[in-house]
Amino acid sequence: MPQNKIQIYVTGGTFDKEYNYITGELYFKDTHLHQMFERGRSTLNVDIKTLMMLDSLQMTDADREIIIYSCKKSDFERVVITHGTDTMVKTAEAIAKHGIKKTIVLTGAMIPYAFGTSSDGFFNLGAALAFVQTLPHGVYVAMNGRCFPWDNVKKNTATGYFEELNP
């Protein structure tokens, strides 16, 4: 497995949502990841693949199987998954049950990247990329500048922050 390349899987979530100024609805078009890497002046060796563009509340077990299969089959030892925050921990758990010998980090955003400087997506992506390069094999959730093992994290729906289950 190549040691220095990072596989990035796009699954949708708020991270990649667009805003329809006429209807006021959020929708999916294309991923913003390519723009983000260019804007961030990244020199990382990455391979970006879009697996799906879904709101995570609409993600099914079959969709999670696609993510798991993709993680298993990736030629790379490091994987970052952009994912909706509502079911990110559920997907992390599903991946972890397969014991994949890679470092897999899920991240997302509470505010779409398309909203500009108010989005946390840019920051969360950067943190996830740093964590995936330094952590041992395992499945993690990277949000709000922190990284959590998949089995010690929850989304606090009252505050919108991710936090430890057992601090």
C-alpha atoms as a PDB file:
ATOM      1  CA  MET A   1       0.000   0.000   0.000  1.00  0.00           C
ATOM      2  CA  PRO A   2       1.312   3.449  -0.849  1.00  0.00           C
ATOM      3  CA  GLN A   3       2.322   5.155   2.391  1.00  0.00           C
ATOM      4  CA  ASN A   4       2.136   8.769   1.291  1.00  0.00           C
ATOM      5  CA  LYS A   5      -1.144   8.970  -0.601  1.00  0.00           C
ATOM      6  CA  ILE A   6      -4.516   9.670   1.002  1.00  0.00           C
ATOM      7  CA  GLN A   7      -7.787   8.297  -0.326  1.00  0.00           C
ATOM      8  CA  ILE A   8     -10.676  10.706   0.077  1.00  0.00           C
ATOM      9  CA  TYR A   9     -14.237   9.466  -0.249  1.00  0.00           C
ATOM     10  CA  VAL A  10     -17.067  11.950  -0.646  1.00  0.00           C
ATOM     11  CA  THR A  11     -20.492  10.865   0.598  1.00  0.00           C
ATOM     12  CA  GLY A  12     -22.328  14.190   0.723  1.00  0.00           C
ATOM     13  CA  GLY A  13     -23.607  15.757   3.914  1.00  0.00           C
ATOM     14  CA  THR A  14     -23.786  19.438   4.718  1.00  0.00           C
ATOM     15  CA  PHE A  15     -20.147  19.706   3.631  1.00  0.00           C
ATOM     16  CA  ASP A  16     -21.126  19.668  -0.047  1.00  0.00           C
ATOM     17  CA  LYS A  17     -24.567  21.218   0.001  1.00  0.00           C
ATOM     18  CA  GLU A  18     -25.462  24.221  -2.166  1.00  0.00           C
ATOM     19  CA  TYR A  19     -28.070  26.856  -1.413  1.00  0.00           C
ATOM     20  CA  ASN A  20     -30.912  27.602  -3.827  1.00  0.00           C
ATOM     21  CA  TYR A  21     -31.475  31.342  -3.470  1.00  0.00           C
ATOM     22  CA  ILE A  22     -34.945  31.129  -5.027  1.00  0.00           C
ATOM     23  CA  THR A  23     -36.461  28.264  -2.995  1.00  0.00           C
ATOM     24  CA  GLY A  24     -34.221  28.556   0.065  1.00  0.00           C
ATOM     25  CA  GLU A  25     -33.510  24.821  -0.078  1.00  0.00           C
ATOM     26  CA  LEU A  26     -30.182  23.063   0.233  1.00  0.00           C
ATOM     27  CA  TYR A  27     -29.245  20.604  -2.506  1.00  0.00           C
ATOM     28  CA  PHE A  28     -26.282  18.692  -3.938  1.00  0.00           C
ATOM     29  CA  LYS A  29     -24.464  19.497  -7.157  1.00  0.00           C
ATOM     30  CA  ASP A  30     -20.761  18.552  -7.073  1.00  0.00           C
ATOM     31  CA  THR A  31     -18.212  18.145  -4.334  1.00  0.00           C
ATOM     32  CA  HIS A  32     -16.239  21.204  -3.257  1.00  0.00           C
ATOM     33  CA  LEU A  33     -13.166  19.187  -2.330  1.00  0.00           C
ATOM     34  CA  HIS A  34     -11.151  20.012  -5.446  1.00  0.00           C
ATOM     35  CA  GLN A  35     -11.700  23.750  -4.842  1.00  0.00           C
ATOM     36  CA  MET A  36     -10.831  23.353  -1.189  1.00  0.00           C
ATOM     37  CA  PHE A  37      -7.514  21.660  -1.916  1.00  0.00           C
ATOM     38  CA  GLU A  38      -6.659  24.330  -4.479  1.00  0.00           C
ATOM     39  CA  ARG A  39      -7.697  27.188  -2.202  1.00  0.00           C
ATOM     40  CA  GLY A  40      -5.794  25.666   0.718  1.00  0.00           C
ATOM     41  CA  ARG A  41      -2.661  25.349  -1.443  1.00  0.00           C
ATOM     42  CA  SER A  42      -2.405  21.713  -0.444  1.00  0.00           C
ATOM     43  CA  THR A  43       0.565  19.701  -1.643  1.00  0.00           C
ATOM     44  CA  LEU A  44      -0.802  16.419  -0.297  1.00  0.00           C
ATOM     45  CA  ASN A  45      -1.004  13.479  -2.654  1.00  0.00           C
ATOM     46  CA  VAL A  46      -4.730  12.662  -2.621  1.00  0.00           C
ATOM     47  CA  ASP A  47      -7.183  10.651  -4.673  1.00  0.00           C
ATOM     48  CA  ILE A  48     -10.725  12.053  -4.443  1.00  0.00           C
ATOM     49  CA  LYS A  49     -13.652   9.808  -5.326  1.00  0.00           C
ATOM     50  CA  THR A  50     -17.331  10.629  -4.936  1.00  0.00           C
ATOM     51  CA  LEU A  51     -19.201   7.559  -3.679  1.00  0.00           C
ATOM     52  CA  MET A  52     -22.567   9.297  -3.236  1.00  0.00           C
ATOM     53  CA  MET A  53     -24.079  12.689  -2.511  1.00  0.00           C
ATOM     54  CA  LEU A  54     -26.566  12.137   0.305  1.00  0.00           C
ATOM     55  CA  ASP A  55     -27.848  13.827   3.386  1.00  0.00           C
ATOM     56  CA  SER A  56     -26.671  11.413   6.079  1.00  0.00           C
ATOM     57  CA  LEU A  57     -30.207  11.128   7.488  1.00  0.00           C
ATOM     58  CA  GLN A  58     -31.131   9.447   4.208  1.00  0.00           C
ATOM     59  CA  MET A  59     -28.136   7.099   4.223  1.00  0.00           C
ATOM     60  CA  THR A  60     -29.080   3.416   4.314  1.00  0.00           C
ATOM     61  CA  ASP A  61     -27.209   0.321   5.426  1.00  0.00           C
ATOM     62  CA  ALA A  62     -26.671  -0.440   1.729  1.00  0.00           C
ATOM     63  CA  ASP A  63     -24.982   2.959   1.332  1.00  0.00           C
ATOM     64  CA  ARG A  64     -22.765   2.179   4.324  1.00  0.00           C
ATOM     65  CA  GLU A  65     -21.818  -1.125   2.693  1.00  0.00           C
ATOM     66  CA  ILE A  66     -20.586   0.840  -0.347  1.00  0.00           C
ATOM     67  CA  ILE A  67     -18.415   2.952   1.960  1.00  0.00           C
ATOM     68  CA  ILE A  68     -17.070  -0.121   3.781  1.00  0.00           C
ATOM     69  CA  TYR A  69     -16.352  -1.937   0.511  1.00  0.00           C
ATOM     70  CA  SER A  70     -14.551   1.130  -0.837  1.00  0.00           C
ATOM     71  CA  CYS A  71     -12.404   1.410   2.302  1.00  0.00           C
ATOM     72  CA  LYS A  72     -11.460  -2.261   2.082  1.00  0.00           C
ATOM     73  CA  LYS A  73     -10.604  -2.081  -1.613  1.00  0.00           C
ATOM     74  CA  SER A  74      -8.665   1.194  -1.520  1.00  0.00           C
ATOM     75  CA  ASP A  75      -4.984   0.818  -2.356  1.00  0.00           C
ATOM     76  CA  PHE A  76      -4.163   3.427   0.264  1.00  0.00           C
ATOM     77  CA  GLU A  77      -3.508   3.006   3.964  1.00  0.00           C
ATOM     78  CA  ARG A  78      -5.031   6.386   4.875  1.00  0.00           C
ATOM     79  CA  VAL A  79      -8.657   7.269   4.159  1.00  0.00           C
ATOM     80  CA  VAL A  80     -10.664  10.433   4.849  1.00  0.00           C
ATOM     81  CA  ILE A  81     -14.443  10.308   4.406  1.00  0.00           C
ATOM     82  CA  THR A  82     -16.551  13.448   4.149  1.00  0.00           C
ATOM     83  CA  HIS A  83     -19.916  12.629   5.693  1.00  0.00           C
ATOM     84  CA  GLY A  84     -23.033  14.234   7.087  1.00  0.00           C
ATOM     85  CA  THR A  85     -22.788  14.858  10.811  1.00  0.00           C
ATOM     86  CA  ASP A  86     -26.155  13.380  11.838  1.00  0.00           C
ATOM     87  CA  THR A  87     -25.148   9.744  11.228  1.00  0.00           C
ATOM     88  CA  MET A  88     -21.364  10.033  11.031  1.00  0.00           C
ATOM     89  CA  VAL A  89     -20.845   8.035  14.235  1.00  0.00           C
ATOM     90  CA  LYS A  90     -23.178   5.284  12.988  1.00  0.00           C
ATOM     91  CA  THR A  91     -21.141   4.947   9.788  1.00  0.00           C
ATOM     92  CA  ALA A  92     -17.872   4.993  11.756  1.00  0.00           C
ATOM     93  CA  GLU A  93     -19.198   2.135  13.890  1.00  0.00           C
ATOM     94  CA  ALA A  94     -20.208   0.135  10.810  1.00  0.00           C
ATOM     95  CA  ILE A  95     -16.720   0.567   9.309  1.00  0.00           C
ATOM     96  CA  ALA A  96     -14.974  -0.302  12.591  1.00  0.00           C
ATOM     97  CA  LYS A  97     -16.821  -3.629  12.867  1.00  0.00           C
ATOM     98  CA  HIS A  98     -14.898  -4.808   9.803  1.00  0.00           C
ATOM     99  CA  GLY A  99     -11.455  -4.421  11.379  1.00  0.00           C
ATOM    100  CA  ILE A 100      -9.922  -2.783   8.305  1.00  0.00           C
ATOM    101  CA  LYS A 101      -6.169  -2.339   8.804  1.00  0.00           C
ATOM    102  CA  LYS A 102      -6.075   1.312   7.747  1.00  0.00           C
ATOM    103  CA  THR A 103      -6.392   4.733   9.328  1.00  0.00           C
ATOM    104  CA  ILE A 104      -9.889   5.989   8.502  1.00  0.00           C
ATOM    105  CA  VAL A 105     -11.079   9.449   9.555  1.00  0.00           C
ATOM    106  CA  LEU A 106     -14.630  10.723   9.028  1.00  0.00           C
ATOM    107  CA  THR A 107     -15.290  14.448   8.989  1.00  0.00           C
ATOM    108  CA  GLY A 108     -18.035  16.831   8.009  1.00  0.00           C
ATOM    109  CA  ALA A 109     -19.453  20.295   8.489  1.00  0.00           C
ATOM    110  CA  MET A 110     -22.316  21.935  10.293  1.00  0.00           C
ATOM    111  CA  ILE A 111     -22.421  24.771   7.735  1.00  0.00           C
ATOM    112  CA  PRO A 112     -21.976  24.147   3.978  1.00  0.00           C
ATOM    113  CA  TYR A 113     -18.625  25.088   2.443  1.00  0.00           C
ATOM    114  CA  ALA A 114     -20.574  27.067  -0.173  1.00  0.00           C
ATOM    115  CA  PHE A 115     -21.552  29.519   2.600  1.00  0.00           C
ATOM    116  CA  GLY A 116     -17.980  30.849   2.584  1.00  0.00           C
ATOM    117  CA  THR A 117     -16.090  31.925   5.670  1.00  0.00           C
ATOM    118  CA  SER A 118     -18.889  30.922   8.035  1.00  0.00           C
ATOM    119  CA  SER A 119     -18.400  27.230   7.163  1.00  0.00           C
ATOM    120  CA  ASP A 120     -16.458  24.960   9.480  1.00  0.00           C
ATOM    121  CA  GLY A 121     -15.839  22.523   6.589  1.00  0.00           C
ATOM    122  CA  PHE A 122     -12.461  23.928   5.584  1.00  0.00           C
ATOM    123  CA  PHE A 123     -11.168  23.712   9.138  1.00  0.00           C
ATOM    124  CA  ASN A 124     -12.566  20.195   9.702  1.00  0.00           C
ATOM    125  CA  LEU A 125     -11.079  18.909   6.442  1.00  0.00           C
ATOM    126  CA  GLY A 126      -7.649  20.278   7.335  1.00  0.00           C
ATOM    127  CA  ALA A 127      -7.804  18.699  10.770  1.00  0.00           C
ATOM    128  CA  ALA A 128      -8.921  15.346   9.344  1.00  0.00           C
ATOM    129  CA  LEU A 129      -6.023  15.368   6.878  1.00  0.00           C
ATOM    130  CA  ALA A 130      -3.535  16.027   9.675  1.00  0.00           C
ATOM    131  CA  PHE A 131      -5.053  13.326  11.896  1.00  0.00           C
ATOM    132  CA  VAL A 132      -5.135  10.676   9.154  1.00  0.00           C
ATOM    133  CA  GLN A 133      -1.395  11.158   8.610  1.00  0.00           C
ATOM    134  CA  THR A 134      -0.449  10.806  12.272  1.00  0.00           C
ATOM    135  CA  LEU A 135      -2.837   8.336  13.909  1.00  0.00           C
ATOM    136  CA  PRO A 136      -2.401   4.561  14.039  1.00  0.00           C
ATOM    137  CA  HIS A 137      -4.792   2.258  12.211  1.00  0.00           C
ATOM    138  CA  GLY A 138      -8.351   2.614  13.417  1.00  0.00           C
ATOM    139  CA  VAL A 139     -11.569   4.511  12.766  1.00  0.00           C
ATOM    140  CA  TYR A 140     -11.929   8.082  13.998  1.00  0.00           C
ATOM    141  CA  VAL A 141     -14.250  11.089  13.840  1.00  0.00           C
ATOM    142  CA  ALA A 142     -12.579  14.492  13.385  1.00  0.00           C
ATOM    143  CA  MET A 143     -14.754  17.514  14.142  1.00  0.00           C
ATOM    144  CA  ASN A 144     -14.290  20.885  15.829  1.00  0.00           C
ATOM    145  CA  GLY A 145     -10.483  20.563  15.836  1.00  0.00           C
ATOM    146  CA  ARG A 146     -10.618  17.344  17.818  1.00  0.00           C
ATOM    147  CA  CYS A 147     -10.279  13.700  16.910  1.00  0.00           C
ATOM    148  CA  PHE A 148     -12.207  10.942  18.655  1.00  0.00           C
ATOM    149  CA  PRO A 149     -12.066   7.149  18.469  1.00  0.00           C
ATOM    150  CA  TRP A 150     -15.301   6.004  16.809  1.00  0.00           C
ATOM    151  CA  ASP A 151     -16.548   4.398  20.026  1.00  0.00           C
ATOM    152  CA  ASN A 152     -16.019   7.424  22.273  1.00  0.00           C
ATOM    153  CA  VAL A 153     -17.850  10.210  20.474  1.00  0.00           C
ATOM    154  CA  LYS A 154     -21.322  11.627  20.063  1.00  0.00           C
ATOM    155  CA  LYS A 155     -22.839  14.641  18.380  1.00  0.00           C
ATOM    156  CA  ASN A 156     -24.401  16.921  20.942  1.00  0.00           C
ATOM    157  CA  THR A 157     -27.535  17.968  19.074  1.00  0.00           C
ATOM    158  CA  ALA A 158     -28.192  20.814  21.532  1.00  0.00           C
ATOM    159  CA  THR A 159     -24.829  22.529  20.914  1.00  0.00           C
ATOM    160  CA  GLY A 160     -23.882  21.195  17.457  1.00  0.00           C
ATOM    161  CA  TYR A 161     -20.476  20.067  18.752  1.00  0.00           C
ATOM    162  CA  PHE A 162     -18.954  16.609  18.872  1.00  0.00           C
ATOM    163  CA  GLU A 163     -17.825  15.460  22.297  1.00  0.00           C
ATOM    164  CA  GLU A 164     -16.462  12.463  24.139  1.00  0.00           C
ATOM    165  CA  LEU A 165     -18.858   9.924  25.570  1.00  0.00           C
ATOM    166  CA  ASN A 166     -16.465   9.149  28.414  1.00  0.00           C
ATOM    167  CA  PRO A 167     -14.174  12.140  29.064  1.00  0.00           C
END
